[in-house]
PDB file of all heavy atoms in Angstrom:
ATOM      1  N   ASP A   1      40.334  22.041  15.100  1.00  0.00           N
ATOM      2  CA  ASP A   1      39.807  21.047  16.065  1.00  0.00           C
ATOM      3  C   ASP A   1      40.176  21.331  17.495  1.00  0.00           C
ATOM      4  O   ASP A   1      39.392  21.202  18.409  1.00  0.00           O
ATOM      5  CB  ASP A   1      40.276  19.663  15.683  1.00  0.00           C
ATOM      6  CG  ASP A   1      39.687  19.165  14.348  1.00  0.00           C
ATOM      7  OD1 ASP A   1      38.587  19.659  13.973  1.00  0.00           O
ATOM      8  OD2 ASP A   1      40.339  18.339  13.639  1.00  0.00           O
ATOM      9  N   TYR A   2      41.455  21.729  17.696  1.00  0.00           N
ATOM     10  CA  TYR A   2      41.985  21.830  19.060  1.00  0.00           C
ATOM     11  C   TYR A   2      42.076  23.266  19.587  1.00  0.00           C
ATOM     12  O   TYR A   2      42.277  23.498  20.780  1.00  0.00           O
ATOM     13  CB  TYR A   2      43.378  21.152  19.140  1.00  0.00           C
ATOM     14  CG  TYR A   2      43.321  19.704  18.817  1.00  0.00           C
ATOM     15  CD1 TYR A   2      43.803  19.206  17.593  1.00  0.00           C
ATOM     16  CD2 TYR A   2      42.776  18.788  19.693  1.00  0.00           C
ATOM     17  CE1 TYR A   2      43.745  17.860  17.270  1.00  0.00           C
ATOM     18  CE2 TYR A   2      42.692  17.426  19.396  1.00  0.00           C
ATOM     19  CZ  TYR A   2      43.215  16.982  18.181  1.00  0.00           C
ATOM     20  OH  TYR A   2      43.122  15.635  17.879  1.00  0.00           O
ATOM     21  N   GLY A   3      41.948  24.227  18.690  1.00  0.00           N
ATOM     22  CA  GLY A   3      41.949  25.618  19.133  1.00  0.00           C
ATOM     23  C   GLY A   3      43.288  26.164  19.507  1.00  0.00           C
ATOM     24  O   GLY A   3      44.330  25.575  19.185  1.00  0.00           O
ATOM     25  N   ILE A   4      43.291  27.311  20.173  1.00  0.00           N
ATOM     26  CA  ILE A   4      44.520  28.000  20.586  1.00  0.00           C
ATOM     27  C   ILE A   4      44.557  28.028  22.104  1.00  0.00           C
ATOM     28  O   ILE A   4      43.570  28.249  22.824  1.00  0.00           O
ATOM     29  CB  ILE A   4      44.501  29.460  20.086  1.00  0.00           C
ATOM     30  CG1 ILE A   4      44.417  29.523  18.546  1.00  0.00           C
ATOM     31  CG2 ILE A   4      45.740  30.233  20.582  1.00  0.00           C
ATOM     32  CD1 ILE A   4      44.235  30.894  17.992  1.00  0.00           C
ATOM     33  N   THR A   5      45.743  27.689  22.683  1.00  0.00           N
ATOM     34  CA  THR A   5      45.911  27.694  24.103  1.00  0.00           C
ATOM     35  C   THR A   5      46.751  28.883  24.561  1.00  0.00           C
ATOM     36  O   THR A   5      47.826  29.150  23.990  1.00  0.00           O
ATOM     37  CB  THR A   5      46.597  26.375  24.561  1.00  0.00           C
ATOM     38  OG1 THR A   5      45.801  25.252  24.167  1.00  0.00           O
ATOM     39  CG2 THR A   5      46.760  26.351  26.086  1.00  0.00           C
ATOM     40  N   LEU A   6      46.308  29.645  25.541  1.00  0.00           N
ATOM     41  CA  LEU A   6      47.011  30.788  26.099  1.00  0.00           C
ATOM     42  C   LEU A   6      47.693  30.416  27.373  1.00  0.00           C
ATOM     43  O   LEU A   6      47.095  29.756  28.249  1.00  0.00           O
ATOM     44  CB  LEU A   6      46.038  31.959  26.340  1.00  0.00           C
ATOM     45  CG  LEU A   6      45.143  32.464  25.199  1.00  0.00           C
ATOM     46  CD1 LEU A   6      44.354  33.681  25.642  1.00  0.00           C
ATOM     47  CD2 LEU A   6      46.013  32.770  23.984  1.00  0.00           C
ATOM     48  N   THR A   7      48.945  30.792  27.518  1.00  0.00           N
ATOM     49  CA  THR A   7      49.689  30.593  28.763  1.00  0.00           C
ATOM     50  C   THR A   7      50.362  31.864  29.131  1.00  0.00           C
ATOM     51  O   THR A   7      50.397  32.863  28.398  1.00  0.00           O
ATOM     52  CB  THR A   7      50.745  29.450  28.625  1.00  0.00           C
ATOM     53  OG1 THR A   7      51.762  29.883  27.672  1.00  0.00           O
ATOM     54  CG2 THR A   7      50.106  28.166  28.101  1.00  0.00           C
ATOM     55  N   GLY A   8      51.012  31.881  30.347  1.00  0.00           N
ATOM     56  CA  GLY A   8      51.735  33.057  30.801  1.00  0.00           C
ATOM     57  C   GLY A   8      50.831  33.991  31.589  1.00  0.00           C
ATOM     58  O   GLY A   8      49.575  33.891  31.519  1.00  0.00           O
ATOM     59  N   GLY A   9      51.442  34.904  32.324  1.00  0.00           N
ATOM     60  CA  GLY A   9      50.657  35.820  33.123  1.00  0.00           C
ATOM     61  C   GLY A   9      49.732  36.729  32.311  1.00  0.00           C
ATOM     62  O   GLY A   9      48.634  37.053  32.780  1.00  0.00           O
ATOM     63  N   GLY A  10      50.125  37.111  31.096  1.00  0.00           N
ATOM     64  CA  GLY A  10      49.298  37.961  30.281  1.00  0.00           C
ATOM     65  C   GLY A  10      48.009  37.289  29.846  1.00  0.00           C
ATOM     66  O   GLY A  10      47.022  37.933  29.513  1.00  0.00           O
ATOM     67  N   ALA A  11      48.008  35.933  29.883  1.00  0.00           N
ATOM     68  CA  ALA A  11      46.796  35.204  29.464  1.00  0.00           C
ATOM     69  C   ALA A  11      45.706  35.413  30.519  1.00  0.00           C
ATOM     70  O   ALA A  11      44.516  35.168  30.207  1.00  0.00           O
ATOM     71  CB  ALA A  11      47.101  33.728  29.383  1.00  0.00           C
ATOM     72  N   LEU A  12      46.051  35.858  31.719  1.00  0.00           N
ATOM     73  CA  LEU A  12      45.056  36.056  32.787  1.00  0.00           C
ATOM     74  C   LEU A  12      44.389  37.427  32.729  1.00  0.00           C
ATOM     75  O   LEU A  12      43.548  37.728  33.499  1.00  0.00           O
ATOM     76  CB  LEU A  12      45.787  35.877  34.154  1.00  0.00           C
ATOM     77  CG  LEU A  12      46.422  34.520  34.397  1.00  0.00           C
ATOM     78  CD1 LEU A  12      47.095  34.485  35.778  1.00  0.00           C
ATOM     79  CD2 LEU A  12      45.443  33.383  34.238  1.00  0.00           C
ATOM     80  N   LEU A  13      44.855  38.285  31.771  1.00  0.00           N
ATOM     81  CA  LEU A  13      44.183  39.533  31.571  1.00  0.00           C
ATOM     82  C   LEU A  13      42.743  39.230  31.137  1.00  0.00           C
ATOM     83  O   LEU A  13      42.518  38.451  30.228  1.00  0.00           O
ATOM     84  CB  LEU A  13      44.877  40.373  30.489  1.00  0.00           C
ATOM     85  CG  LEU A  13      44.271  41.730  30.141  1.00  0.00           C
ATOM     86  CD1 LEU A  13      44.481  42.711  31.284  1.00  0.00           C
ATOM     87  CD2 LEU A  13      44.864  42.300  28.818  1.00  0.00           C
ATOM     88  N   ARG A  14      41.789  39.851  31.786  1.00  0.00           N
ATOM     89  CA  ARG A  14      40.363  39.500  31.543  1.00  0.00           C
ATOM     90  C   ARG A  14      40.044  39.718  30.067  1.00  0.00           C
ATOM     91  O   ARG A  14      40.376  40.719  29.479  1.00  0.00           O
ATOM     92  CB  ARG A  14      39.451  40.371  32.421  1.00  0.00           C
ATOM     93  CG  ARG A  14      39.385  39.837  33.853  1.00  0.00           C
ATOM     94  CD  ARG A  14      38.432  40.624  34.660  1.00  0.00           C
ATOM     95  NE  ARG A  14      38.800  42.039  34.716  1.00  0.00           N
ATOM     96  CZ  ARG A  14      37.946  43.022  34.938  1.00  0.00           C
ATOM     97  NH1 ARG A  14      36.653  42.767  35.077  1.00  0.00           N
ATOM     98  NH2 ARG A  14      38.397  44.235  35.015  1.00  0.00           N
ATOM     99  N   ARG A  15      39.310  38.764  29.528  1.00  0.00           N
ATOM    100  CA  ARG A  15      38.768  38.734  28.140  1.00  0.00           C
ATOM    101  C   ARG A  15      39.881  38.729  27.051  1.00  0.00           C
ATOM    102  O   ARG A  15      39.588  39.060  25.920  1.00  0.00           O
ATOM    103  CB  ARG A  15      37.821  39.917  27.923  1.00  0.00           C
ATOM    104  CG  ARG A  15      36.599  39.823  28.837  1.00  0.00           C
ATOM    105  CD  ARG A  15      35.478  40.714  28.350  1.00  0.00           C
ATOM    106  NE  ARG A  15      35.695  42.114  28.474  1.00  0.00           N
ATOM    107  CZ  ARG A  15      35.495  42.814  29.586  1.00  0.00           C
ATOM    108  NH1 ARG A  15      35.027  42.217  30.639  1.00  0.00           N
ATOM    109  NH2 ARG A  15      35.741  44.128  29.634  1.00  0.00           N
ATOM    110  N   MET A  16      41.104  38.372  27.463  1.00  0.00           N
ATOM    111  CA  MET A  16      42.129  38.203  26.430  1.00  0.00           C
ATOM    112  C   MET A  16      41.774  37.069  25.444  1.00  0.00           C
ATOM    113  O   MET A  16      41.948  37.198  24.224  1.00  0.00           O
ATOM    114  CB  MET A  16      43.488  37.916  27.072  1.00  0.00           C
ATOM    115  CG  MET A  16      44.619  37.658  26.077  1.00  0.00           C
ATOM    116  SD  MET A  16      44.931  39.008  24.895  1.00  0.00           S
ATOM    117  CE  MET A  16      46.034  40.026  25.947  1.00  0.00           C
ATOM    118  N   ASP A  17      41.223  35.992  26.019  1.00  0.00           N
ATOM    119  CA  ASP A  17      40.799  34.889  25.176  1.00  0.00           C
ATOM    120  C   ASP A  17      39.708  35.265  24.211  1.00  0.00           C
ATOM    121  O   ASP A  17      39.645  34.907  23.031  1.00  0.00           O
ATOM    122  CB  ASP A  17      40.364  33.685  25.970  1.00  0.00           C
ATOM    123  CG  ASP A  17      39.344  33.980  27.052  1.00  0.00           C
ATOM    124  OD1 ASP A  17      39.177  35.211  27.388  1.00  0.00           O
ATOM    125  OD2 ASP A  17      38.664  33.073  27.581  1.00  0.00           O
ATOM    126  N   VAL A  18      38.789  36.199  24.720  1.00  0.00           N
ATOM    127  CA  VAL A  18      37.670  36.657  23.878  1.00  0.00           C
ATOM    128  C   VAL A  18      38.215  37.504  22.710  1.00  0.00           C
ATOM    129  O   VAL A  18      37.792  37.388  21.550  1.00  0.00           O
ATOM    130  CB  VAL A  18      36.710  37.492  24.708  1.00  0.00           C
ATOM    131  CG1 VAL A  18      35.607  38.109  23.859  1.00  0.00           C
ATOM    132  CG2 VAL A  18      36.043  36.604  25.774  1.00  0.00           C
ATOM    133  N   ALA A  19      39.212  38.353  23.034  1.00  0.00           N
ATOM    134  CA  ALA A  19      39.777  39.258  21.976  1.00  0.00           C
ATOM    135  C   ALA A  19      40.389  38.429  20.843  1.00  0.00           C
ATOM    136  O   ALA A  19      40.206  38.733  19.659  1.00  0.00           O
ATOM    137  CB  ALA A  19      40.803  40.182  22.618  1.00  0.00           C
ATOM    138  N   ILE A  20      41.156  37.365  21.176  1.00  0.00           N
ATOM    139  CA  ILE A  20      41.790  36.563  20.191  1.00  0.00           C
ATOM    140  C   ILE A  20      40.765  35.727  19.450  1.00  0.00           C
ATOM    141  O   ILE A  20      40.873  35.550  18.212  1.00  0.00           O
ATOM    142  CB  ILE A  20      42.885  35.682  20.828  1.00  0.00           C
ATOM    143  CG1 ILE A  20      44.032  36.522  21.389  1.00  0.00           C
ATOM    144  CG2 ILE A  20      43.494  34.658  19.835  1.00  0.00           C
ATOM    145  CD1 ILE A  20      45.108  35.823  22.141  1.00  0.00           C
ATOM    146  N   ALA A  21      39.755  35.197  20.148  1.00  0.00           N
ATOM    147  CA  ALA A  21      38.693  34.408  19.506  1.00  0.00           C
ATOM    148  C   ALA A  21      37.919  35.244  18.486  1.00  0.00           C
ATOM    149  O   ALA A  21      37.573  34.784  17.396  1.00  0.00           O
ATOM    150  CB  ALA A  21      37.773  33.853  20.539  1.00  0.00           C
ATOM    151  N   GLN A  22      37.650  36.523  18.853  1.00  0.00           N
ATOM    152  CA  GLN A  22      36.928  37.369  17.930  1.00  0.00           C
ATOM    153  C   GLN A  22      37.717  37.680  16.642  1.00  0.00           C
ATOM    154  O   GLN A  22      37.184  37.734  15.579  1.00  0.00           O
ATOM    155  CB  GLN A  22      36.553  38.699  18.615  1.00  0.00           C
ATOM    156  CG  GLN A  22      35.454  38.581  19.667  1.00  0.00           C
ATOM    157  CD  GLN A  22      35.218  39.911  20.430  1.00  0.00           C
ATOM    158  OE1 GLN A  22      35.984  40.814  20.347  1.00  0.00           O
ATOM    159  NE2 GLN A  22      34.118  39.931  21.190  1.00  0.00           N
ATOM    160  N   ALA A  23      39.035  37.768  16.836  1.00  0.00           N
ATOM    161  CA  ALA A  23      39.912  38.102  15.674  1.00  0.00           C
ATOM    162  C   ALA A  23      40.212  36.922  14.784  1.00  0.00           C
ATOM    163  O   ALA A  23      40.408  37.090  13.593  1.00  0.00           O
ATOM    164  CB  ALA A  23      41.218  38.686  16.180  1.00  0.00           C
ATOM    165  N   THR A  24      40.162  35.700  15.330  1.00  0.00           N
ATOM    166  CA  THR A  24      40.524  34.518  14.576  1.00  0.00           C
ATOM    167  C   THR A  24      39.365  33.585  14.200  1.00  0.00           C
ATOM    168  O   THR A  24      39.443  32.796  13.277  1.00  0.00           O
ATOM    169  CB  THR A  24      41.562  33.657  15.332  1.00  0.00           C
ATOM    170  OG1 THR A  24      40.980  33.245  16.595  1.00  0.00           O
ATOM    171  CG2 THR A  24      42.812  34.493  15.638  1.00  0.00           C
ATOM    172  N   GLY A  25      38.258  33.724  14.969  1.00  0.00           N
ATOM    173  CA  GLY A  25      37.151  32.804  14.773  1.00  0.00           C
ATOM    174  C   GLY A  25      37.404  31.376  15.270  1.00  0.00           C
ATOM    175  O   GLY A  25      36.643  30.466  14.955  1.00  0.00           O
ATOM    176  N   LEU A  26      38.477  31.192  16.068  1.00  0.00           N
ATOM    177  CA  LEU A  26      38.813  29.895  16.617  1.00  0.00           C
ATOM    178  C   LEU A  26      38.469  29.824  18.103  1.00  0.00           C
ATOM    179  O   LEU A  26      38.317  30.802  18.790  1.00  0.00           O
ATOM    180  CB  LEU A  26      40.343  29.629  16.395  1.00  0.00           C
ATOM    181  CG  LEU A  26      40.805  29.570  14.986  1.00  0.00           C
ATOM    182  CD1 LEU A  26      42.322  29.543  14.943  1.00  0.00           C
ATOM    183  CD2 LEU A  26      40.266  28.313  14.294  1.00  0.00           C
ATOM    184  N   HIS A  27      38.409  28.558  18.587  1.00  0.00           N
ATOM    185  CA  HIS A  27      38.203  28.372  20.023  1.00  0.00           C
ATOM    186  C   HIS A  27      39.506  28.734  20.722  1.00  0.00           C
ATOM    187  O   HIS A  27      40.580  28.222  20.309  1.00  0.00           O
ATOM    188  CB  HIS A  27      37.824  26.906  20.302  1.00  0.00           C
ATOM    189  CG  HIS A  27      37.789  26.554  21.754  1.00  0.00           C
ATOM    190  ND1 HIS A  27      36.874  27.110  22.648  1.00  0.00           N
ATOM    191  CD2 HIS A  27      38.565  25.721  22.476  1.00  0.00           C
ATOM    192  CE1 HIS A  27      37.108  26.641  23.841  1.00  0.00           C
ATOM    193  NE2 HIS A  27      38.133  25.763  23.775  1.00  0.00           N
TER     194      HIS A  27
END
């Protein structure tokens, strides 16, 4: 329901959220 939240400087790497979403199928 609530998904995964990324924090820290590494979270600002472009498309990091996309990479994790593709691997987990979560928001």
